[in-house]
Amino acid sequence: MTTLRILGGDPPPCGTVLVSRQWPSRLDLKQEVLDEIAATLSANALVGEDDHPWLCLCLDEALVNAMLHGNEGDPDTPIDIEVAADGDRWYVTVSDRGTGFTSSQVPDSEDPESLLLEHGRGIRIMSEWLDDLTYYRSGATVRMARRRSPTGEPLPPLDALRQKDGDHAL
């Protein structure tokens, strides 16, 4: 699991930008956004078929957080999305127009009770699969990063990343 980092300032550049666009904060467009990002990463051989459930789950969490929390559900307030690649590593950056959040607002991922909470599980879920999950602009921008395996084979499927102690699964 990656460590939660919330930093000030803008994220540094990373790799070659494959897609950079603005989308309205409309949940009815979310699937279109997910499909475009997944297609871009697939076309560049950065994700395999087994990666798609995890990829879509992480993207969904980031998009919903930006649209509903960051932009407070205002469909006229845009989100910015950038997809980039550097060798065998991909990056997706999602920015909203909100004020961000602090780590004290995020449930303790070590507390089993946090899995039962209505909000706050998304960061934990994303942290399980991504190699890096960093928030910039005090939480108003999230950058997700993951590398593909050196052989080009997909990385472990969702089931392989369930908690080892078996007490509860993601």
C-alpha atoms as a PDB file:
ATOM      1  CA  MET A   1       0.000   0.000   0.000  1.00  0.00           C
ATOM      2  CA  THR A   2       1.313   3.435  -0.877  1.00  0.00           C
ATOM      3  CA  THR A   3       1.680   6.178   1.718  1.00  0.00           C
ATOM      4  CA  LEU A   4      -0.782   9.074   1.560  1.00  0.00           C
ATOM      5  CA  ARG A   5       1.013  12.279   0.602  1.00  0.00           C
ATOM      6  CA  ILE A   6      -0.735  15.637   0.416  1.00  0.00           C
ATOM      7  CA  LEU A   7       1.584  18.354  -0.859  1.00  0.00           C
ATOM      8  CA  GLY A   8       1.223  22.026  -1.685  1.00  0.00           C
ATOM      9  CA  GLY A   9       1.968  23.363  -5.133  1.00  0.00           C
ATOM     10  CA  ASP A  10       1.415  21.913  -8.575  1.00  0.00           C
ATOM     11  CA  PRO A  11       2.599  18.445  -9.559  1.00  0.00           C
ATOM     12  CA  PRO A  12       5.915  18.303 -11.410  1.00  0.00           C
ATOM     13  CA  PRO A  13       5.927  17.337 -15.099  1.00  0.00           C
ATOM     14  CA  CYS A  14       6.145  13.624 -15.757  1.00  0.00           C
ATOM     15  CA  GLY A  15       6.853  11.910 -19.055  1.00  0.00           C
ATOM     16  CA  THR A  16       5.180  12.469 -22.385  1.00  0.00           C
ATOM     17  CA  VAL A  17       1.644  13.832 -22.241  1.00  0.00           C
ATOM     18  CA  LEU A  18      -0.716  11.527 -24.149  1.00  0.00           C
ATOM     19  CA  VAL A  19      -4.006  13.292 -23.322  1.00  0.00           C
ATOM     20  CA  SER A  20      -4.730  16.632 -21.694  1.00  0.00           C
ATOM     21  CA  ARG A  21      -8.290  17.903 -21.528  1.00  0.00           C
ATOM     22  CA  GLN A  22     -11.014  19.476 -19.477  1.00  0.00           C
ATOM     23  CA  TRP A  23     -14.307  17.783 -18.696  1.00  0.00           C
ATOM     24  CA  PRO A  24     -17.435  19.157 -17.053  1.00  0.00           C
ATOM     25  CA  SER A  25     -18.160  17.795 -13.567  1.00  0.00           C
ATOM     26  CA  ARG A  26     -21.002  15.649 -14.844  1.00  0.00           C
ATOM     27  CA  LEU A  27     -21.387  12.112 -13.574  1.00  0.00           C
ATOM     28  CA  ASP A  28     -23.233  11.143 -16.760  1.00  0.00           C
ATOM     29  CA  LEU A  29     -19.955  11.722 -18.669  1.00  0.00           C
ATOM     30  CA  LYS A  30     -17.816   9.737 -16.235  1.00  0.00           C
ATOM     31  CA  GLN A  31     -17.891   6.509 -18.272  1.00  0.00           C
ATOM     32  CA  GLU A  32     -16.798   8.397 -21.386  1.00  0.00           C
ATOM     33  CA  VAL A  33     -13.823   9.796 -19.459  1.00  0.00           C
ATOM     34  CA  LEU A  34     -12.938   6.346 -18.069  1.00  0.00           C
ATOM     35  CA  ASP A  35     -13.140   4.792 -21.529  1.00  0.00           C
ATOM     36  CA  GLU A  36     -10.908   7.450 -23.093  1.00  0.00           C
ATOM     37  CA  ILE A  37      -8.222   7.089 -20.432  1.00  0.00           C
ATOM     38  CA  ALA A  38      -8.317   3.268 -20.511  1.00  0.00           C
ATOM     39  CA  ALA A  39      -8.163   3.262 -24.325  1.00  0.00           C
ATOM     40  CA  THR A  40      -5.189   5.646 -24.296  1.00  0.00           C
ATOM     41  CA  LEU A  41      -3.257   3.523 -21.798  1.00  0.00           C
ATOM     42  CA  SER A  42      -4.142   0.299 -23.648  1.00  0.00           C
ATOM     43  CA  ALA A  43      -3.157   1.738 -27.033  1.00  0.00           C
ATOM     44  CA  ASN A  44       0.249   2.584 -25.576  1.00  0.00           C
ATOM     45  CA  ALA A  45       0.664  -0.931 -24.086  1.00  0.00           C
ATOM     46  CA  LEU A  46       0.721   0.450 -20.542  1.00  0.00           C
ATOM     47  CA  VAL A  47      -2.139  -1.649 -19.151  1.00  0.00           C
ATOM     48  CA  GLY A  48      -3.298  -5.166 -19.863  1.00  0.00           C
ATOM     49  CA  GLU A  49      -6.810  -6.554 -19.884  1.00  0.00           C
ATOM     50  CA  ASP A  50      -6.460  -7.799 -16.298  1.00  0.00           C
ATOM     51  CA  ASP A  51      -5.586  -4.268 -15.197  1.00  0.00           C
ATOM     52  CA  HIS A  52      -8.846  -2.749 -16.428  1.00  0.00           C
ATOM     53  CA  PRO A  53     -11.033  -3.477 -13.363  1.00  0.00           C
ATOM     54  CA  TRP A  54      -8.463  -1.883 -11.031  1.00  0.00           C
ATOM     55  CA  LEU A  55      -7.737   0.965 -13.414  1.00  0.00           C
ATOM     56  CA  CYS A  56     -11.426   1.807 -13.775  1.00  0.00           C
ATOM     57  CA  LEU A  57     -11.984   1.552 -10.022  1.00  0.00           C
ATOM     58  CA  CYS A  58      -9.121   3.976  -9.280  1.00  0.00           C
ATOM     59  CA  LEU A  59     -10.167   6.386 -12.020  1.00  0.00           C
ATOM     60  CA  ASP A  60     -13.784   6.245 -10.885  1.00  0.00           C
ATOM     61  CA  GLU A  61     -12.774   7.126  -7.320  1.00  0.00           C
ATOM     62  CA  ALA A  62     -10.634  10.056  -8.471  1.00  0.00           C
ATOM     63  CA  LEU A  63     -13.281  11.401 -10.850  1.00  0.00           C
ATOM     64  CA  VAL A  64     -16.167  11.122  -8.390  1.00  0.00           C
ATOM     65  CA  ASN A  65     -14.086  12.791  -5.669  1.00  0.00           C
ATOM     66  CA  ALA A  66     -13.172  15.657  -8.017  1.00  0.00           C
ATOM     67  CA  MET A  67     -16.720  16.128  -9.311  1.00  0.00           C
ATOM     68  CA  LEU A  68     -18.685  15.739  -6.088  1.00  0.00           C
ATOM     69  CA  HIS A  69     -16.277  16.821  -3.361  1.00  0.00           C
ATOM     70  CA  GLY A  70     -13.798  19.152  -5.052  1.00  0.00           C
ATOM     71  CA  ASN A  71     -16.245  20.842  -7.402  1.00  0.00           C
ATOM     72  CA  GLU A  72     -19.178  20.338  -5.038  1.00  0.00           C
ATOM     73  CA  GLY A  73     -21.323  18.724  -7.731  1.00  0.00           C
ATOM     74  CA  ASP A  74     -21.393  21.858  -9.890  1.00  0.00           C
ATOM     75  CA  PRO A  75     -21.622  20.530 -13.476  1.00  0.00           C
ATOM     76  CA  ASP A  76     -20.343  23.843 -14.859  1.00  0.00           C
ATOM     77  CA  THR A  77     -17.080  23.613 -12.914  1.00  0.00           C
ATOM     78  CA  PRO A  78     -14.545  21.631 -14.963  1.00  0.00           C
ATOM     79  CA  ILE A  79     -12.029  19.006 -13.977  1.00  0.00           C
ATOM     80  CA  ASP A  80      -8.661  18.766 -15.726  1.00  0.00           C
ATOM     81  CA  ILE A  81      -7.286  15.382 -16.721  1.00  0.00           C
ATOM     82  CA  GLU A  82      -3.813  14.577 -17.974  1.00  0.00           C
ATOM     83  CA  VAL A  83      -2.553  11.158 -19.026  1.00  0.00           C
ATOM     84  CA  ALA A  84       1.207  10.789 -19.422  1.00  0.00           C
ATOM     85  CA  ALA A  85       3.764   8.025 -19.856  1.00  0.00           C
ATOM     86  CA  ASP A  86       7.451   7.639 -19.155  1.00  0.00           C
ATOM     87  CA  GLY A  87       8.876   4.329 -20.317  1.00  0.00           C
ATOM     88  CA  ASP A  88       6.876   1.565 -18.658  1.00  0.00           C
ATOM     89  CA  ARG A  89       5.171   3.898 -16.179  1.00  0.00           C
ATOM     90  CA  TRP A  90       1.870   5.727 -16.665  1.00  0.00           C
ATOM     91  CA  TYR A  91       0.458   8.724 -14.831  1.00  0.00           C
ATOM     92  CA  VAL A  92      -3.081  10.078 -14.614  1.00  0.00           C
ATOM     93  CA  THR A  93      -3.558  13.473 -12.998  1.00  0.00           C
ATOM     94  CA  VAL A  94      -7.030  14.736 -12.061  1.00  0.00           C
ATOM     95  CA  SER A  95      -7.512  18.315 -10.824  1.00  0.00           C
ATOM     96  CA  ASP A  96     -10.619  20.023  -9.505  1.00  0.00           C
ATOM     97  CA  ARG A  97     -11.326  23.599  -8.473  1.00  0.00           C
ATOM     98  CA  GLY A  98     -11.845  22.851  -4.777  1.00  0.00           C
ATOM     99  CA  THR A  99      -9.774  23.794  -1.755  1.00  0.00           C
ATOM    100  CA  GLY A 100      -8.470  20.270  -1.125  1.00  0.00           C
ATOM    101  CA  PHE A 101      -8.415  18.370   2.141  1.00  0.00           C
ATOM    102  CA  THR A 102      -6.104  17.419   4.994  1.00  0.00           C
ATOM    103  CA  SER A 103      -4.901  13.986   6.065  1.00  0.00           C
ATOM    104  CA  SER A 104      -6.955  14.334   9.261  1.00  0.00           C
ATOM    105  CA  GLN A 105     -10.085  14.130   7.089  1.00  0.00           C
ATOM    106  CA  VAL A 106      -9.073  10.696   5.781  1.00  0.00           C
ATOM    107  CA  PRO A 107     -10.024   7.639   7.879  1.00  0.00           C
ATOM    108  CA  ASP A 108      -7.141   5.621   9.342  1.00  0.00           C
ATOM    109  CA  SER A 109      -6.583   2.810   6.839  1.00  0.00           C
ATOM    110  CA  GLU A 110      -5.172   0.591   9.601  1.00  0.00           C
ATOM    111  CA  ASP A 111      -8.475   0.690  11.481  1.00  0.00           C
ATOM    112  CA  PRO A 112     -10.716  -2.186  10.281  1.00  0.00           C
ATOM    113  CA  GLU A 113     -13.757  -0.071  11.150  1.00  0.00           C
ATOM    114  CA  SER A 114     -12.744   2.377   8.410  1.00  0.00           C
ATOM    115  CA  LEU A 115     -13.923  -0.162   5.831  1.00  0.00           C
ATOM    116  CA  LEU A 116     -17.471   0.274   7.137  1.00  0.00           C
ATOM    117  CA  LEU A 117     -17.533   4.056   6.760  1.00  0.00           C
ATOM    118  CA  GLU A 118     -19.643   5.598   4.020  1.00  0.00           C
ATOM    119  CA  HIS A 119     -16.833   7.920   2.843  1.00  0.00           C
ATOM    120  CA  GLY A 120     -13.044   7.801   2.799  1.00  0.00           C
ATOM    121  CA  ARG A 121     -12.447   4.284   1.482  1.00  0.00           C
ATOM    122  CA  GLY A 122     -11.494   5.420  -2.017  1.00  0.00           C
ATOM    123  CA  ILE A 123      -7.993   6.528  -1.085  1.00  0.00           C
ATOM    124  CA  ARG A 124      -7.335   3.211   0.627  1.00  0.00           C
ATOM    125  CA  ILE A 125      -8.637   1.262  -2.357  1.00  0.00           C
ATOM    126  CA  MET A 126      -6.539   3.277  -4.821  1.00  0.00           C
ATOM    127  CA  SER A 127      -3.464   2.892  -2.607  1.00  0.00           C
ATOM    128  CA  GLU A 128      -3.742  -0.891  -2.809  1.00  0.00           C
ATOM    129  CA  TRP A 129      -3.174  -1.043  -6.560  1.00  0.00           C
ATOM    130  CA  LEU A 130      -1.264   2.071  -7.541  1.00  0.00           C
ATOM    131  CA  ASP A 131       2.502   2.398  -7.196  1.00  0.00           C
ATOM    132  CA  ASP A 132       2.124   6.048  -6.288  1.00  0.00           C
ATOM    133  CA  LEU A 133      -0.820   8.173  -5.177  1.00  0.00           C
ATOM    134  CA  THR A 134       0.117  11.770  -4.440  1.00  0.00           C
ATOM    135  CA  TYR A 135      -2.124  14.755  -3.835  1.00  0.00           C
ATOM    136  CA  TYR A 136      -0.985  18.247  -4.801  1.00  0.00           C
ATOM    137  CA  ARG A 137      -2.469  21.704  -4.344  1.00  0.00           C
ATOM    138  CA  SER A 138      -3.427  20.635  -0.806  1.00  0.00           C
ATOM    139  CA  GLY A 139      -5.554  17.792  -2.151  1.00  0.00           C
ATOM    140  CA  ALA A 140      -7.250  19.471  -5.129  1.00  0.00           C
ATOM    141  CA  THR A 141      -5.083  17.498  -7.580  1.00  0.00           C
ATOM    142  CA  VAL A 142      -4.385  13.779  -7.462  1.00  0.00           C
ATOM    143  CA  ARG A 143      -1.688  12.018  -9.463  1.00  0.00           C
ATOM    144  CA  MET A 144      -1.927   8.268  -9.833  1.00  0.00           C
ATOM    145  CA  ALA A 145       1.009   6.289 -11.162  1.00  0.00           C
ATOM    146  CA  ARG A 146       1.698   2.663 -11.937  1.00  0.00           C
ATOM    147  CA  ARG A 147       4.192   0.735 -13.986  1.00  0.00           C
ATOM    148  CA  ARG A 148       3.473  -2.219 -16.194  1.00  0.00           C
ATOM    149  CA  SER A 149       5.415  -5.378 -15.594  1.00  0.00           C
ATOM    150  CA  PRO A 150       8.826  -5.568 -17.334  1.00  0.00           C
ATOM    151  CA  THR A 151       7.632  -8.473 -19.483  1.00  0.00           C
ATOM    152  CA  GLY A 152       4.537  -6.624 -20.605  1.00  0.00           C
ATOM    153  CA  GLU A 153       2.334  -9.102 -18.778  1.00  0.00           C
ATOM    154  CA  PRO A 154      -0.490  -7.671 -16.687  1.00  0.00           C
ATOM    155  CA  LEU A 155       0.191  -7.039 -13.038  1.00  0.00           C
ATOM    156  CA  PRO A 156      -1.716  -8.950 -10.318  1.00  0.00           C
ATOM    157  CA  PRO A 157      -5.505  -8.949 -10.686  1.00  0.00           C
ATOM    158  CA  LEU A 158      -7.815  -7.483  -8.081  1.00  0.00           C
ATOM    159  CA  ASP A 159      -8.111 -10.749  -6.120  1.00  0.00           C
ATOM    160  CA  ALA A 160      -4.330 -10.993  -5.666  1.00  0.00           C
ATOM    161  CA  LEU A 161      -4.265  -7.768  -3.680  1.00  0.00           C
ATOM    162  CA  ARG A 162      -6.833  -8.696  -1.043  1.00  0.00           C
ATOM    163  CA  GLN A 163      -5.634  -8.464   2.539  1.00  0.00           C
ATOM    164  CA  LYS A 164      -3.330 -11.319   3.408  1.00  0.00           C
ATOM    165  CA  ASP A 165      -4.780 -11.908   6.867  1.00  0.00           C
ATOM    166  CA  GLY A 166      -8.141 -12.851   5.348  1.00  0.00           C
ATOM    167  CA  ASP A 167     -10.109 -10.831   7.909  1.00  0.00           C
ATOM    168  CA  HIS A 168     -11.715  -8.731   5.223  1.00  0.00           C
ATOM    169  CA  ALA A 169     -11.266  -8.132   1.556  1.00  0.00           C
ATOM    170  CA  LEU A 170     -11.333  -4.920  -0.386  1.00  0.00           C
END
